[in-house]
Amino acid sequence: MLPLCVDEGIGTVVWSPLARGRLARPVEASTPRSGSDPFADMLYTQQASDRSIIEALWRIADARGVGGAQIALAWLHRNPVVAAPLVGATKLSHIDDAIASLDIDLSADEVIALEAPYTPRSDFQGVSDDAVLARLSAQIGIKPVK
């Protein structure tokens, strides 16, 4: 979507830039929310490409000595059509990470490592038709949230 927005000169406000925390913690880590948020499971299914992206993110974060959230937000900051990420901070450390991400300039190699594994998928955002939602849910093998 972001390349289309660049081509059309459209700015974006990115909703859930950390994928409900999935980019702020290693892929194998869990939280009370991650174990009880079926809506997030519907939005952020774990495909092989997702795991590869998260693993690349943490390799970069570890090499730089920063958190994954900082790298994910730094990736967004480099995109000219991203006006703002909507970060759902519930702790002061979340705000600290968001601010610290402003000082991170990712290298071309780091950007390639983050973007190369990406694969497009069906998207639930904006779907309100129950039949379409059921079809998309069946396509990825999950039950839709009511």
Protein backbone atom coordinates (compact mmCIF):
# COMPACT_ATOMS: atom_id res chain seq x y z
CA MET A 1 0.00 0.00 0.00
CA LEU A 2 2.79 2.44 0.83
CA PRO A 3 4.32 2.41 -2.68
CA LEU A 4 0.87 3.23 -4.12
CA CYS A 5 0.56 6.13 -1.68
CA VAL A 6 3.99 7.41 -2.76
CA ASP A 7 2.93 7.25 -6.42
CA GLU A 8 -0.33 9.08 -5.72
CA GLY A 9 1.10 11.60 -3.24
CA ILE A 10 -1.13 10.36 -0.42
CA GLY A 11 -0.09 10.65 3.21
CA THR A 12 -0.88 7.90 5.71
CA VAL A 13 -1.46 7.56 9.42
CA VAL A 14 -0.38 4.02 10.28
CA TRP A 15 -2.69 2.09 12.58
CA SER A 16 -1.09 -0.59 14.77
CA PRO A 17 2.48 -0.02 13.58
CA LEU A 18 3.79 -2.61 16.05
CA ALA A 19 1.14 -5.21 15.12
CA ARG A 20 -0.40 -5.14 18.60
CA GLY A 21 3.03 -5.63 20.15
CA ARG A 22 4.18 -8.48 17.90
CA LEU A 23 7.04 -6.33 16.60
CA ALA A 24 8.00 -5.17 20.08
CA ARG A 25 8.95 -8.63 21.36
CA PRO A 26 10.74 -11.67 19.96
CA VAL A 27 8.50 -13.99 17.93
CA GLU A 28 8.46 -16.71 20.61
CA ALA A 29 7.60 -14.32 23.46
CA SER A 30 4.03 -13.87 24.63
CA THR A 31 2.09 -11.52 26.85
CA PRO A 32 -1.28 -11.82 28.60
CA ARG A 33 -2.81 -9.82 25.73
CA SER A 34 -1.18 -11.93 23.01
CA GLY A 35 -2.75 -15.05 24.52
CA SER A 36 -6.24 -13.59 24.77
CA ASP A 37 -6.68 -11.34 21.72
CA PRO A 38 -8.50 -13.28 18.97
CA PHE A 39 -8.92 -10.10 16.92
CA ALA A 40 -5.15 -9.76 16.74
CA ASP A 41 -4.91 -13.41 15.70
CA MET A 42 -7.25 -12.63 12.83
CA LEU A 43 -5.34 -9.50 11.81
CA TYR A 44 -1.82 -10.79 12.30
CA THR A 45 -1.66 -14.42 11.30
CA GLN A 46 1.79 -15.92 11.64
CA GLN A 47 2.90 -16.77 8.13
CA ALA A 48 6.45 -17.81 7.30
CA SER A 49 7.16 -14.34 5.91
CA ASP A 50 5.94 -12.74 9.16
CA ARG A 51 8.36 -14.82 11.20
CA SER A 52 11.18 -13.96 8.79
CA ILE A 53 10.45 -10.25 9.11
CA ILE A 54 10.30 -10.41 12.91
CA GLU A 55 13.54 -12.41 13.02
CA ALA A 56 15.26 -9.85 10.74
CA LEU A 57 13.93 -7.03 12.90
CA TRP A 58 15.41 -8.62 16.04
CA ARG A 59 18.76 -9.34 14.36
CA ILE A 60 18.99 -5.63 13.54
CA ALA A 61 17.76 -4.56 16.97
CA ASP A 62 20.22 -6.85 18.76
CA ALA A 63 23.12 -5.68 16.58
CA ARG A 64 22.25 -2.07 17.41
CA GLY A 65 21.53 -2.74 21.08
CA VAL A 66 17.96 -1.40 20.89
CA GLY A 67 14.46 -2.84 21.10
CA GLY A 68 12.43 -4.22 18.23
CA ALA A 69 9.83 -1.46 18.56
CA GLN A 70 12.51 1.13 17.87
CA ILE A 71 13.56 -0.62 14.65
CA ALA A 72 9.97 -1.12 13.47
CA LEU A 73 9.13 2.55 14.07
CA ALA A 74 12.41 3.68 12.48
CA TRP A 75 11.40 1.75 9.35
CA LEU A 76 8.14 3.72 9.27
CA HIS A 77 9.87 7.07 9.80
CA ARG A 78 11.95 6.59 6.68
CA ASN A 79 8.85 6.38 4.50
CA PRO A 80 7.86 9.80 3.14
CA VAL A 81 4.11 9.07 3.10
CA VAL A 82 3.89 8.07 6.76
CA ALA A 83 2.67 11.18 8.56
CA ALA A 84 2.37 9.44 11.91
CA PRO A 85 2.21 5.97 13.47
CA LEU A 86 -0.61 5.46 15.98
CA VAL A 87 1.34 3.88 18.82
CA GLY A 88 -0.88 2.47 21.57
CA ALA A 89 1.38 3.17 24.52
CA THR A 90 0.37 1.61 27.83
CA LYS A 91 3.73 2.13 29.57
CA LEU A 92 6.19 5.00 29.72
CA SER A 93 8.77 2.72 28.09
CA HIS A 94 6.56 2.55 24.98
CA ILE A 95 6.80 6.34 24.63
CA ASP A 96 10.55 6.17 25.27
CA ASP A 97 10.92 3.62 22.44
CA ALA A 98 8.86 5.75 20.07
CA ILE A 99 10.99 8.80 20.78
CA ALA A 100 14.25 6.84 20.54
CA SER A 101 13.21 5.49 17.13
CA LEU A 102 13.48 9.03 15.73
CA ASP A 103 17.27 8.87 16.11
CA ILE A 104 17.67 5.61 14.17
CA ASP A 105 18.64 5.76 10.51
CA LEU A 106 18.39 2.31 8.98
CA SER A 107 21.00 1.34 6.40
CA ALA A 108 20.01 0.18 2.92
CA ASP A 109 21.02 -3.38 3.89
CA GLU A 110 18.84 -3.26 7.01
CA VAL A 111 15.85 -2.04 4.99
CA ILE A 112 16.34 -4.83 2.47
CA ALA A 113 16.55 -7.39 5.29
CA LEU A 114 13.24 -6.11 6.70
CA GLU A 115 11.37 -5.82 3.40
CA ALA A 116 12.61 -8.79 1.38
CA PRO A 117 10.59 -11.50 3.21
CA TYR A 118 7.27 -9.62 2.88
CA THR A 119 4.45 -11.36 1.01
CA PRO A 120 1.03 -9.79 0.33
CA ARG A 121 -1.98 -11.40 1.97
CA SER A 122 -5.70 -10.97 2.39
CA ASP A 123 -6.52 -8.03 4.59
CA PHE A 124 -9.38 -7.82 7.06
CA GLN A 125 -9.15 -4.08 7.66
CA GLY A 126 -12.27 -2.30 6.49
CA VAL A 127 -14.21 -5.53 5.85
CA SER A 128 -17.71 -5.26 7.27
CA ASP A 129 -19.55 -7.75 5.05
CA ASP A 130 -19.97 -10.97 7.07
CA ALA A 131 -19.79 -13.18 3.96
CA VAL A 132 -16.51 -11.60 2.83
CA LEU A 133 -15.10 -11.82 6.34
CA ALA A 134 -16.06 -15.51 6.55
CA ARG A 135 -14.43 -16.21 3.17
CA LEU A 136 -11.20 -14.45 4.15
CA SER A 137 -11.19 -16.21 7.52
CA ALA A 138 -11.63 -19.61 5.87
CA GLN A 139 -8.87 -18.76 3.40
CA ILE A 140 -6.33 -18.47 6.23
CA GLY A 141 -7.93 -21.09 8.46
CA ILE A 142 -9.27 -19.08 11.39
CA LYS A 143 -12.69 -18.34 12.82
CA PRO A 144 -13.87 -14.73 12.39
CA VAL A 145 -14.36 -12.65 15.52
CA LYS A 146 -17.89 -11.35 16.04
